[in-house]
Amino acid sequence: MNVVLWVLQVLLAVVLVMAGGLKVVQGKAKLLEDPRMGWVGDFADSTIRTIGALEVAAAAGLILPWWLDIAPVLTPLAAVGVVAIQTGAMLTHRRRGEMRMFAMNAVLAAMAAFVVGRFGDL
């Protein structure tokens, strides 16, 4: 089970760093060029960058505390945060009728919910 959790944590972290990093580094206008990122038109640039920063922070929280054995409780808490972020993303995509993106966020939320199970390993 530990191996499965680590695989999920690493996969989630990679996705979050890539997606969050783009939101932090690129501006709203650049993100709108991607047809999958139409949702950014509904939000302020500062909000988009904040979401990106939270995703990058969550990625670090999914890996570092458990790996370094420094406050490992932060790993399942980061997973709870990922579930919250993905729930917000699902609501946004559902409202916009973007069901492919909704499904992707639902899968990421389910993966993160599984990692929340790390609470049982503390």
N, C-alpha and C. Protein backbone atom coordinates (compact mmCIF):
# COMPACT_ATOMS: atom_id res chain seq x y z
N MET A 1 0.83 -1.19 0.00
CA MET A 1 0.00 0.00 0.00
C MET A 1 0.87 1.26 0.00
N ASN A 2 1.99 1.19 0.69
CA ASN A 2 2.89 2.34 0.75
C ASN A 2 3.38 2.74 -0.64
N VAL A 3 3.67 1.75 -1.48
CA VAL A 3 4.14 2.02 -2.84
C VAL A 3 3.05 2.70 -3.65
N VAL A 4 1.83 2.23 -3.52
CA VAL A 4 0.70 2.85 -4.24
C VAL A 4 0.54 4.30 -3.82
N LEU A 5 0.61 4.56 -2.53
CA LEU A 5 0.48 5.93 -2.04
C LEU A 5 1.60 6.81 -2.57
N TRP A 6 2.83 6.30 -2.59
CA TRP A 6 3.94 7.08 -3.10
C TRP A 6 3.77 7.38 -4.59
N VAL A 7 3.32 6.40 -5.35
CA VAL A 7 3.09 6.61 -6.78
C VAL A 7 2.05 7.71 -6.98
N LEU A 8 0.96 7.64 -6.23
CA LEU A 8 -0.08 8.67 -6.33
C LEU A 8 0.45 10.04 -5.93
N GLN A 9 1.21 10.09 -4.85
CA GLN A 9 1.76 11.36 -4.39
C GLN A 9 2.68 11.98 -5.45
N VAL A 10 3.54 11.18 -6.04
CA VAL A 10 4.47 11.69 -7.04
C VAL A 10 3.72 12.13 -8.30
N LEU A 11 2.77 11.32 -8.76
CA LEU A 11 1.98 11.71 -9.94
C LEU A 11 1.23 13.01 -9.70
N LEU A 12 0.58 13.11 -8.55
CA LEU A 12 -0.13 14.34 -8.22
C LEU A 12 0.82 15.53 -8.15
N ALA A 13 1.96 15.34 -7.53
CA ALA A 13 2.93 16.42 -7.39
C ALA A 13 3.41 16.90 -8.76
N VAL A 14 3.67 15.97 -9.66
CA VAL A 14 4.14 16.35 -11.00
C VAL A 14 3.07 17.16 -11.72
N VAL A 15 1.83 16.68 -11.69
CA VAL A 15 0.73 17.40 -12.34
C VAL A 15 0.55 18.78 -11.73
N LEU A 16 0.60 18.86 -10.41
CA LEU A 16 0.38 20.14 -9.73
C LEU A 16 1.51 21.13 -10.00
N VAL A 17 2.74 20.65 -10.04
CA VAL A 17 3.87 21.55 -10.33
C VAL A 17 3.76 22.09 -11.76
N MET A 18 3.42 21.21 -12.68
CA MET A 18 3.31 21.65 -14.07
C MET A 18 2.16 22.63 -14.25
N ALA A 19 0.98 22.28 -13.76
CA ALA A 19 -0.19 23.13 -13.93
C ALA A 19 -0.06 24.42 -13.11
N GLY A 20 0.36 24.28 -11.87
CA GLY A 20 0.51 25.45 -11.01
C GLY A 20 1.61 26.37 -11.47
N GLY A 21 2.71 25.77 -11.92
CA GLY A 21 3.83 26.58 -12.41
C GLY A 21 3.43 27.44 -13.59
N LEU A 22 2.65 26.88 -14.51
CA LEU A 22 2.18 27.67 -15.65
C LEU A 22 1.33 28.85 -15.20
N LYS A 23 0.47 28.60 -14.23
CA LYS A 23 -0.41 29.67 -13.74
C LYS A 23 0.38 30.78 -13.06
N VAL A 24 1.46 30.41 -12.39
CA VAL A 24 2.28 31.40 -11.69
C VAL A 24 3.12 32.20 -12.68
N VAL A 25 3.70 31.51 -13.65
CA VAL A 25 4.68 32.14 -14.54
C VAL A 25 4.02 32.89 -15.70
N GLN A 26 2.99 32.29 -16.30
CA GLN A 26 2.37 32.91 -17.47
C GLN A 26 1.24 33.85 -17.05
N GLY A 27 1.05 34.87 -17.80
CA GLY A 27 -0.04 35.80 -17.53
C GLY A 27 -1.36 35.26 -18.05
N LYS A 28 -2.43 35.92 -17.66
CA LYS A 28 -3.77 35.53 -18.05
C LYS A 28 -3.92 35.48 -19.57
N ALA A 29 -3.39 36.48 -20.27
CA ALA A 29 -3.52 36.54 -21.73
C ALA A 29 -2.87 35.33 -22.38
N LYS A 30 -1.71 34.92 -21.90
CA LYS A 30 -1.01 33.76 -22.46
C LYS A 30 -1.78 32.47 -22.17
N LEU A 31 -2.32 32.36 -20.97
CA LEU A 31 -3.08 31.17 -20.61
C LEU A 31 -4.34 31.04 -21.47
N LEU A 32 -4.96 32.17 -21.81
CA LEU A 32 -6.18 32.14 -22.62
C LEU A 32 -5.94 31.63 -24.03
N GLU A 33 -4.70 31.59 -24.48
CA GLU A 33 -4.38 31.06 -25.80
C GLU A 33 -4.61 29.54 -25.86
N ASP A 34 -4.57 28.88 -24.74
CA ASP A 34 -4.81 27.44 -24.67
C ASP A 34 -6.32 27.20 -24.54
N PRO A 35 -6.93 26.46 -25.47
CA PRO A 35 -8.38 26.25 -25.42
C PRO A 35 -8.86 25.55 -24.15
N ARG A 36 -7.99 24.80 -23.50
CA ARG A 36 -8.37 24.13 -22.24
C ARG A 36 -8.38 25.07 -21.06
N MET A 37 -7.89 26.28 -21.25
CA MET A 37 -7.76 27.23 -20.14
C MET A 37 -8.75 28.39 -20.25
N GLY A 38 -9.86 28.18 -20.95
CA GLY A 38 -10.85 29.23 -21.10
C GLY A 38 -11.39 29.76 -19.78
N TRP A 39 -11.36 28.94 -18.77
CA TRP A 39 -11.87 29.33 -17.45
C TRP A 39 -11.13 30.53 -16.87
N VAL A 40 -9.86 30.75 -17.27
CA VAL A 40 -9.10 31.85 -16.67
C VAL A 40 -9.72 33.20 -17.00
N GLY A 41 -10.53 33.24 -18.08
CA GLY A 41 -11.22 34.48 -18.42
C GLY A 41 -12.20 34.92 -17.35
N ASP A 42 -12.62 34.00 -16.49
CA ASP A 42 -13.58 34.30 -15.43
C ASP A 42 -12.94 34.82 -14.15
N PHE A 43 -11.59 34.84 -14.12
CA PHE A 43 -10.90 35.18 -12.87
C PHE A 43 -9.86 36.27 -13.09
N ALA A 44 -9.55 36.99 -12.04
CA ALA A 44 -8.50 38.01 -12.08
C ALA A 44 -7.14 37.33 -12.16
N ASP A 45 -6.18 38.04 -12.74
CA ASP A 45 -4.82 37.50 -12.86
C ASP A 45 -4.26 37.11 -11.50
N SER A 46 -4.51 37.92 -10.49
CA SER A 46 -3.99 37.61 -9.15
C SER A 46 -4.60 36.32 -8.59
N THR A 47 -5.85 36.07 -8.89
CA THR A 47 -6.50 34.85 -8.43
C THR A 47 -5.89 33.63 -9.12
N ILE A 48 -5.64 33.77 -10.42
CA ILE A 48 -5.04 32.66 -11.17
C ILE A 48 -3.65 32.35 -10.63
N ARG A 49 -2.87 33.38 -10.36
CA ARG A 49 -1.52 33.16 -9.81
C ARG A 49 -1.59 32.56 -8.41
N THR A 50 -2.58 32.96 -7.62
CA THR A 50 -2.74 32.40 -6.28
C THR A 50 -3.08 30.91 -6.36
N ILE A 51 -3.99 30.55 -7.27
CA ILE A 51 -4.32 29.14 -7.46
C ILE A 51 -3.07 28.36 -7.84
N GLY A 52 -2.28 28.92 -8.76
CA GLY A 52 -1.03 28.27 -9.17
C GLY A 52 -0.07 28.09 -8.02
N ALA A 53 0.08 29.13 -7.20
CA ALA A 53 0.99 29.04 -6.06
C ALA A 53 0.51 27.99 -5.06
N LEU A 54 -0.80 27.91 -4.85
CA LEU A 54 -1.34 26.89 -3.95
C LEU A 54 -1.10 25.48 -4.49
N GLU A 55 -1.21 25.33 -5.81
CA GLU A 55 -0.94 24.02 -6.41
C GLU A 55 0.52 23.62 -6.25
N VAL A 56 1.43 24.56 -6.45
CA VAL A 56 2.86 24.25 -6.28
C VAL A 56 3.16 23.93 -4.81
N ALA A 57 2.59 24.70 -3.91
CA ALA A 57 2.79 24.44 -2.47
C ALA A 57 2.23 23.07 -2.09
N ALA A 58 1.07 22.74 -2.63
CA ALA A 58 0.47 21.43 -2.34
C ALA A 58 1.36 20.31 -2.85
N ALA A 59 1.98 20.50 -4.01
CA ALA A 59 2.88 19.48 -4.56
C ALA A 59 4.04 19.23 -3.60
N ALA A 60 4.60 20.31 -3.08
CA ALA A 60 5.69 20.16 -2.10
C ALA A 60 5.19 19.47 -0.84
N GLY A 61 3.98 19.82 -0.41
CA GLY A 61 3.41 19.22 0.79
C GLY A 61 3.09 17.74 0.63
N LEU A 62 2.81 17.32 -0.59
CA LEU A 62 2.52 15.91 -0.83
C LEU A 62 3.76 15.03 -0.72
N ILE A 63 4.94 15.62 -0.96
CA ILE A 63 6.17 14.83 -1.02
C ILE A 63 7.09 15.07 0.18
N LEU A 64 7.46 16.31 0.39
CA LEU A 64 8.55 16.61 1.32
C LEU A 64 8.33 16.19 2.77
N PRO A 65 7.19 16.51 3.39
CA PRO A 65 7.07 16.14 4.82
C PRO A 65 7.19 14.64 5.07
N TRP A 66 6.55 13.84 4.22
CA TRP A 66 6.58 12.39 4.44
C TRP A 66 7.96 11.83 4.12
N TRP A 67 8.55 12.32 3.02
CA TRP A 67 9.86 11.83 2.58
C TRP A 67 10.95 12.17 3.59
N LEU A 68 10.92 13.41 4.09
CA LEU A 68 11.95 13.86 5.03
C LEU A 68 11.63 13.49 6.48
N ASP A 69 10.44 12.95 6.72
CA ASP A 69 9.97 12.60 8.06
C ASP A 69 10.03 13.82 9.00
N ILE A 70 9.66 14.96 8.45
CA ILE A 70 9.56 16.20 9.22
C ILE A 70 8.11 16.64 9.15
N ALA A 71 7.40 16.53 10.25
CA ALA A 71 5.98 16.87 10.32
C ALA A 71 5.19 16.12 9.24
N PRO A 72 5.25 14.78 9.22
CA PRO A 72 4.56 14.02 8.17
C PRO A 72 3.06 14.23 8.12
N VAL A 73 2.47 14.78 9.17
CA VAL A 73 1.04 15.07 9.15
C VAL A 73 0.70 16.07 8.05
N LEU A 74 1.70 16.84 7.60
CA LEU A 74 1.44 17.82 6.55
C LEU A 74 1.13 17.17 5.20
N THR A 75 1.58 15.95 4.98
CA THR A 75 1.30 15.28 3.69
C THR A 75 -0.19 15.01 3.51
N PRO A 76 -0.87 14.34 4.46
CA PRO A 76 -2.31 14.16 4.25
C PRO A 76 -3.08 15.48 4.29
N LEU A 77 -2.57 16.46 5.05
CA LEU A 77 -3.22 17.77 5.04
C LEU A 77 -3.09 18.45 3.67
N ALA A 78 -1.94 18.28 3.04
CA ALA A 78 -1.77 18.80 1.68
C ALA A 78 -2.73 18.10 0.73
N ALA A 79 -2.93 16.81 0.93
CA ALA A 79 -3.87 16.07 0.09
C ALA A 79 -5.30 16.59 0.27
N VAL A 80 -5.65 16.95 1.50
CA VAL A 80 -6.97 17.56 1.74
C VAL A 80 -7.07 18.88 0.96
N GLY A 81 -5.99 19.65 0.97
CA GLY A 81 -5.97 20.89 0.20
C GLY A 81 -6.13 20.65 -1.30
N VAL A 82 -5.51 19.59 -1.80
CA VAL A 82 -5.65 19.26 -3.23
C VAL A 82 -7.10 18.89 -3.54
N VAL A 83 -7.74 18.15 -2.66
CA VAL A 83 -9.15 17.82 -2.86
C VAL A 83 -9.97 19.11 -2.93
N ALA A 84 -9.68 20.06 -2.06
CA ALA A 84 -10.41 21.34 -2.07
C ALA A 84 -10.16 22.10 -3.38
N ILE A 85 -8.91 22.17 -3.81
CA ILE A 85 -8.58 22.87 -5.06
C ILE A 85 -9.29 22.21 -6.24
N GLN A 86 -9.25 20.89 -6.29
CA GLN A 86 -9.87 20.17 -7.40
C GLN A 86 -11.39 20.27 -7.36
N THR A 87 -11.96 20.34 -6.18
CA THR A 87 -13.41 20.53 -6.07
C THR A 87 -13.80 21.89 -6.64
N GLY A 88 -13.04 22.92 -6.32
CA GLY A 88 -13.29 24.23 -6.91
C GLY A 88 -13.15 24.21 -8.42
N ALA A 89 -12.14 23.49 -8.91
CA ALA A 89 -11.94 23.37 -10.35
C ALA A 89 -13.12 22.63 -10.99
N MET A 90 -13.59 21.57 -10.34
CA MET A 90 -14.72 20.82 -10.89
C MET A 90 -15.97 21.70 -10.97
N LEU A 91 -16.21 22.48 -9.93
CA LEU A 91 -17.38 23.37 -9.94
C LEU A 91 -17.28 24.39 -11.07
N THR A 92 -16.08 24.94 -11.26
CA THR A 92 -15.88 25.91 -12.33
C THR A 92 -16.10 25.28 -13.70
N HIS A 93 -15.51 24.12 -13.92
CA HIS A 93 -15.65 23.46 -15.23
C HIS A 93 -17.09 22.97 -15.47
N ARG A 94 -17.76 22.53 -14.43
CA ARG A 94 -19.15 22.11 -14.59
C ARG A 94 -20.02 23.30 -14.98
N ARG A 95 -19.81 24.41 -14.31
CA ARG A 95 -20.57 25.63 -14.62
C ARG A 95 -20.36 26.05 -16.06
N ARG A 96 -19.15 25.86 -16.56
CA ARG A 96 -18.81 26.26 -17.92
C ARG A 96 -19.12 25.17 -18.95
N GLY A 97 -19.59 24.00 -18.51
CA GLY A 97 -19.91 22.91 -19.42
C GLY A 97 -18.69 22.21 -19.99
N GLU A 98 -17.56 22.31 -19.32
CA GLU A 98 -16.30 21.70 -19.76
C GLU A 98 -16.14 20.34 -19.07
N MET A 99 -16.87 19.35 -19.59
CA MET A 99 -16.94 18.07 -18.89
C MET A 99 -15.65 17.26 -18.98
N ARG A 100 -14.85 17.43 -20.02
CA ARG A 100 -13.55 16.71 -20.08
C ARG A 100 -12.64 17.20 -18.95
N MET A 101 -12.61 18.51 -18.75
CA MET A 101 -11.78 19.06 -17.68
C MET A 101 -12.36 18.69 -16.31
N PHE A 102 -13.70 18.67 -16.21
CA PHE A 102 -14.35 18.25 -14.98
C PHE A 102 -13.91 16.84 -14.61
N ALA A 103 -13.91 15.94 -15.60
CA ALA A 103 -13.53 14.55 -15.34
C ALA A 103 -12.08 14.44 -14.89
N MET A 104 -11.20 15.22 -15.53
CA MET A 104 -9.79 15.18 -15.14
C MET A 104 -9.62 15.64 -13.69
N ASN A 105 -10.30 16.72 -13.33
CA ASN A 105 -10.21 17.21 -11.95
C ASN A 105 -10.81 16.22 -10.97
N ALA A 106 -11.84 15.50 -11.38
CA ALA A 106 -12.45 14.49 -10.50
C ALA A 106 -11.46 13.35 -10.24
N VAL A 107 -10.72 12.95 -11.26
CA VAL A 107 -9.71 11.90 -11.09
C VAL A 107 -8.61 12.38 -10.14
N LEU A 108 -8.14 13.61 -10.33
CA LEU A 108 -7.11 14.15 -9.44
C LEU A 108 -7.61 14.25 -8.00
N ALA A 109 -8.87 14.66 -7.84
CA ALA A 109 -9.45 14.75 -6.49
C ALA A 109 -9.54 13.36 -5.85
N ALA A 110 -9.91 12.36 -6.63
CA ALA A 110 -9.99 10.99 -6.10
C ALA A 110 -8.61 10.48 -5.69
N MET A 111 -7.60 10.77 -6.51
CA MET A 111 -6.24 10.37 -6.16
C MET A 111 -5.81 11.03 -4.85
N ALA A 112 -6.09 12.32 -4.73
CA ALA A 112 -5.72 13.04 -3.51
C ALA A 112 -6.49 12.51 -2.31
N ALA A 113 -7.76 12.17 -2.51
CA ALA A 113 -8.56 11.63 -1.40
C ALA A 113 -7.96 10.31 -0.91
N PHE A 114 -7.40 9.53 -1.81
CA PHE A 114 -6.76 8.29 -1.43
C PHE A 114 -5.51 8.59 -0.59
N VAL A 115 -4.77 9.63 -0.95
CA VAL A 115 -3.56 10.01 -0.20
C VAL A 115 -3.92 10.52 1.19
N VAL A 116 -5.12 11.07 1.34
CA VAL A 116 -5.57 11.50 2.68
C VAL A 116 -5.50 10.33 3.65
N GLY A 117 -5.57 9.11 3.13
CA GLY A 117 -5.45 7.92 3.96
C GLY A 117 -4.14 7.82 4.71
N ARG A 118 -3.17 8.65 4.36
CA ARG A 118 -1.90 8.68 5.10
C ARG A 118 -2.12 9.02 6.57
N PHE A 119 -3.26 9.65 6.89
CA PHE A 119 -3.54 9.95 8.30
C PHE A 119 -3.51 8.66 9.13
N GLY A 120 -3.93 7.57 8.52
CA GLY A 120 -3.94 6.29 9.22
C GLY A 120 -2.55 5.73 9.48
N ASP A 121 -1.54 6.25 8.77
CA ASP A 121 -0.16 5.77 8.93
C ASP A 121 0.62 6.57 9.96
N LEU A 122 0.01 7.58 10.53
CA LEU A 122 0.74 8.43 11.49
C LEU A 122 0.89 7.76 12.84
